[in-house]
Amino acid sequence: MQIEVSATDIEEKKADGRGRVTLGSEYAGKNVTVAVVEAEDDNKTTECIHCGAVDEPEHDVHVRVEQTERGEHYTVCNICEPPEN
């Protein structure tokens, strides 16, 4: 499938911590075609991959980004995986 799109027709949306985007009620009940043109990682909101916790310093919950041996990044909280000292 190939679709031509004008730059003025592109809508920017922010995905939630699980990668979901809300299109809006104007698309309710309609078949839509969605394309991701660009994705930026802002690291402002991260969720633990195990329990879904987000940073809550007032409750001593801290989510951090870790890296696997293969260089892949994932987020985890200090409850599920305490940091190594």
Protein backbone atom coordinates (compact mmCIF):
# COMPACT_ATOMS: atom_id res chain seq x y z
CA MET A 1 0.00 0.00 0.00
CA GLN A 2 1.29 3.44 -0.89
CA ILE A 3 -0.45 6.62 0.20
CA GLU A 4 0.65 10.18 -0.49
CA VAL A 5 0.20 12.55 2.44
CA SER A 6 0.68 16.30 2.61
CA ALA A 7 2.83 17.51 5.49
CA THR A 8 -0.07 19.70 6.61
CA ASP A 9 -2.20 16.56 7.10
CA ILE A 10 0.16 14.96 9.60
CA GLU A 11 -1.08 14.98 13.20
CA GLU A 12 1.36 14.67 16.06
CA LYS A 13 0.16 12.52 18.97
CA LYS A 14 1.88 11.44 22.18
CA ALA A 15 1.81 7.76 23.05
CA ASP A 16 1.18 6.74 26.64
CA GLY A 17 3.65 4.64 28.63
CA ARG A 18 2.43 1.48 26.92
CA GLY A 19 2.71 2.85 23.39
CA ARG A 20 -0.99 3.57 22.89
CA VAL A 21 -2.26 6.62 21.04
CA THR A 22 -5.79 8.02 21.29
CA LEU A 23 -7.06 9.08 17.89
CA GLY A 24 -10.13 11.00 19.04
CA SER A 25 -13.89 10.65 18.85
CA GLU A 26 -14.02 11.90 15.25
CA TYR A 27 -12.61 8.49 14.23
CA ALA A 28 -15.06 6.43 16.33
CA GLY A 29 -16.61 3.60 14.34
CA LYS A 30 -14.42 4.26 11.30
CA ASN A 31 -11.73 2.16 9.67
CA VAL A 32 -8.49 4.15 9.85
CA THR A 33 -5.00 3.70 8.43
CA VAL A 34 -2.26 4.91 10.76
CA ALA A 35 1.45 5.30 10.01
CA VAL A 36 4.28 6.14 12.38
CA VAL A 37 6.51 8.59 10.57
CA GLU A 38 8.90 9.32 13.41
CA ALA A 39 9.23 8.33 17.05
CA GLU A 40 11.23 10.21 19.66
CA ASP A 41 12.17 8.80 23.04
CA ASP A 42 11.69 11.55 25.61
CA ASN A 43 12.20 9.30 28.67
CA LYS A 44 9.87 11.57 30.67
CA THR A 45 7.36 8.85 31.49
CA THR A 46 8.55 5.31 31.94
CA GLU A 47 6.78 2.30 33.35
CA CYS A 48 8.25 -0.81 34.91
CA ILE A 49 8.01 -3.67 32.40
CA HIS A 50 7.03 -6.06 35.19
CA CYS A 51 4.37 -4.25 37.22
CA GLY A 52 3.61 -1.01 35.32
CA ALA A 53 4.77 1.22 38.19
CA VAL A 54 5.82 4.77 37.36
CA ASP A 55 8.24 7.05 39.21
CA GLU A 56 6.70 8.00 42.54
CA PRO A 57 9.55 9.32 44.71
CA GLU A 58 7.11 10.24 47.47
CA HIS A 59 6.32 6.52 47.79
CA ASP A 60 9.94 5.43 47.29
CA VAL A 61 9.20 3.92 43.86
CA HIS A 62 11.87 4.68 41.28
CA VAL A 63 11.80 3.49 37.66
CA ARG A 64 15.13 3.30 35.86
CA VAL A 65 16.35 2.33 32.39
CA GLU A 66 18.56 -0.75 32.24
CA GLN A 67 20.44 -2.28 29.33
CA THR A 68 20.75 -5.96 28.43
CA GLU A 69 24.00 -7.56 27.35
CA ARG A 70 22.76 -7.24 23.75
CA GLY A 71 22.31 -3.48 24.16
CA GLU A 72 18.51 -3.48 24.38
CA HIS A 73 16.95 -1.03 26.82
CA TYR A 74 14.13 -1.77 29.24
CA THR A 75 12.60 -0.06 32.27
CA VAL A 76 12.29 -1.59 35.71
CA CYS A 77 11.36 -0.33 39.18
CA ASN A 78 13.28 -0.72 42.41
CA ILE A 79 10.51 -2.94 43.82
CA CYS A 80 10.72 -5.62 41.09
CA GLU A 81 14.50 -5.44 40.68
CA PRO A 82 16.38 -3.65 43.46
CA PRO A 83 19.46 -1.83 42.13
CA GLU A 84 22.81 -3.50 42.66
CA ASN A 85 25.05 -1.60 45.07
